[in-house]
Amino acid sequence: MDTIKVLPVYPKFPETFWSYGTSLRHVGKKAVMPPTGLLTVMAMLPERFEAQRLVDLNVEPLTDEHLENTDFLFTSAMIVQENSHKEIVERAHSLGKKVVAGGPFPTMHPEKTGADYVVAGEAEATLWPFLEDLLKGAEKGVWTEKNVSERTKGLVELTKGGKVLITNTPLPRWDLLNLNNYFSAAIQYSRGCPFNCDFCDITKLFGREPRTKTPEQMLSELDALYNLGHKGSVFIVDDNFIGNRKNVKQLLLHIAEWQKERRYPFSLFTEASMNLAWDNNRDILEGMQKAGFSSVFLGIESVDNEVLENMQKRQNTQMPQLEAARRIQKYGLEVSGGFIVGTDGEKRGSLDKLYNFIQEAGIVFPMAGLLTALKGTDLYNRLKREGRLRGDSTGNNTHQLGFNFETKTELSEEELLKGYKGLLGKLFNARNYYDRCRTLQKNQGPHHRTKRSSLEGLIILGRSIKGQLFAEGGWEYAKYLVGTALTNPGYFPEAVAQAIKFDHFRNITRATLEADNYIPHIQSLYAQFSEKAGRIIASRKEDYHEKLKLISKIADNILYKAEERYQRLHEDFRRRAEEALGRLHGMVNAEVERYKTGVISS
């Protein structure tokens, strides 16, 4: 039987909160994390399928040579990667190659992928029925956990709730890429979350029954990375790390022992719910501290308990948010947080309260975004019933200035957007940012640190100084690093990392606001053109044909100015600006044509 060549291709991310484009250049890396899910699927392929080296468009381009030397492309994509995924499919089809798509985006929007085959849901359940049909000659289709369930009965181990057990999920095929291109490695521990926040699609994708790998599996995952020579950051990928409290307590004991034996080569971080701070989870906090966890991302969302109730996030109302954040920090964990603007019932003054909380809590990396309604969520379904939906989400919930639904708060939508832009400007102002860093230093308890070679650290520091000292916020940057070196030298590497990350946040905030300011700029340019054209027409000095020449010249100049400023905008933030530029072209050209028609009619 002939071998079937499979090319795994990972779409490019636009510049977003988590992309760290500018920061990566300081540390000499090309992307934040490798596509662990796609590499895991490659490990599930039977012998007849030959997995080729993965092409990650965040690291390298997809070439015609890649495409010509394969039989099928396998992709995995999130919603935010939709545009890049579309380009991959078009490239593949142009050379007669078929695409197999999986991941959250194809699962929730199979009709949008353009792929020949969509293998939706969890690959442990849907991959082999698809491969079986592919070998029988299937030309296209969508394979879901529901429509293959009869075929997998008794062959795939399921929980009582009917979800796939992940205790047999294989190690990712790390040999298919160069880990040195990435800042952090990523390994999955669990799927599913016991909570059911109305805006979140996790429970729709993975259920409310948290399923975990065994401690033995996780140690094998860590061994694989360690044996490849990886050191430093490792993301423990979870929908909610503490969703299964019993299992995670056992895991932490094993990881702590593993890390201690190897002198803590990994700095671990993960995502969890706010109940991590509750009294009954202190042993988990202690375990995370001993296991070498350095940070945790929490879905804090709001500091208004009524708003939290509205989004079905009651677990965040059981303890004051500031007290929760500080307790977690005392166990050596840096708290990052997700925050949402625009939930029904949000009150006037809420954005100021949110900003004050973030500053007081020392949350250095606040992911503050506008609420977005994701397809399949309780929020999406409710808004659809109420006739308030405007369209699907782009998948990017920060630094995007628009809602995909009609809001219902004490503030108008215009006020919400204005307040949100103000919030971003304050959060990623250099002085405010470094004040949060100082607060975190004061509140964060002892934690294990991975050692970096002195030479590597000096190179990174040198790049940072070169790029940041004389840039906007350079004085605050210098004060923070010098102050840390003098008062808390052991923390200095982390201070440098915080400064480097600020470079990214400052840049995407600036890019967002510049793109937004382009809209009124376009309106101003059109007003200028219209006013000048009107004055010329009203003038008695030139004949009509001369007036038309002057108006056309002014039109060309106005459009040139608009194009020139548009080209200076960051390409990942141009969508609304592009629409505005198109409207300007249309209005200016229409007005010129009206004046020309005036010549003909006269």
Foldseek 3Di string as FASTA:
>chain_A
DAAAEEEEEEFDAFQALPFLCQLCVLLVAQTAEDPQQSLLVCVVDDPSYDYAFYHYVSRPDDDVVNLVPHAEYEYEDDLLRLVRLQVVCVVNVVVPHFYEYEYDCCQQCVVSRNGQEYQYARCLQGVVVVVVVVVVPDRGDYTDSVVCVVVCVPPFDADPVGFGACQPRDGGPPVSDDCRNHPEYEDEFWAADLAAFQQDCRCVRGNHQIHGYALVRVVVNVVVCVVSVDFEEYEHEYPALCRPVVRLLVNLVSLLVVCVVVVNRYAYEYEHELCCQPPVNVSVLLSCQSNRHQAYEYALAFQDCVLCVLRRNNSNVPDRPLSSLLSSQQSNYQYEYEYEFFGAADAPPRLVVVLVSCLLSLRLSYQYFYREHAPPGNVVVVQVVVVFAQDHDSSHGGLAQDYRGAGHYNDHSVVRSVSNLVSLCQSLQLQSNLSSVVSSVVRGHDHRDNDDDPVSLVSSLVSLCVVACPDRSNVSLVCSLVVCCVPPVVCNSVSSSSSSSSVSSVVSSVLSVLLVVLLVVLVVLLVVLVVVLVVLVPDPPDDLVVSLVVSVVSLVVSLVVSVVSLVVHDPSNNPVVVVSSVVSVVVSVVVSVVSVVVVVVD
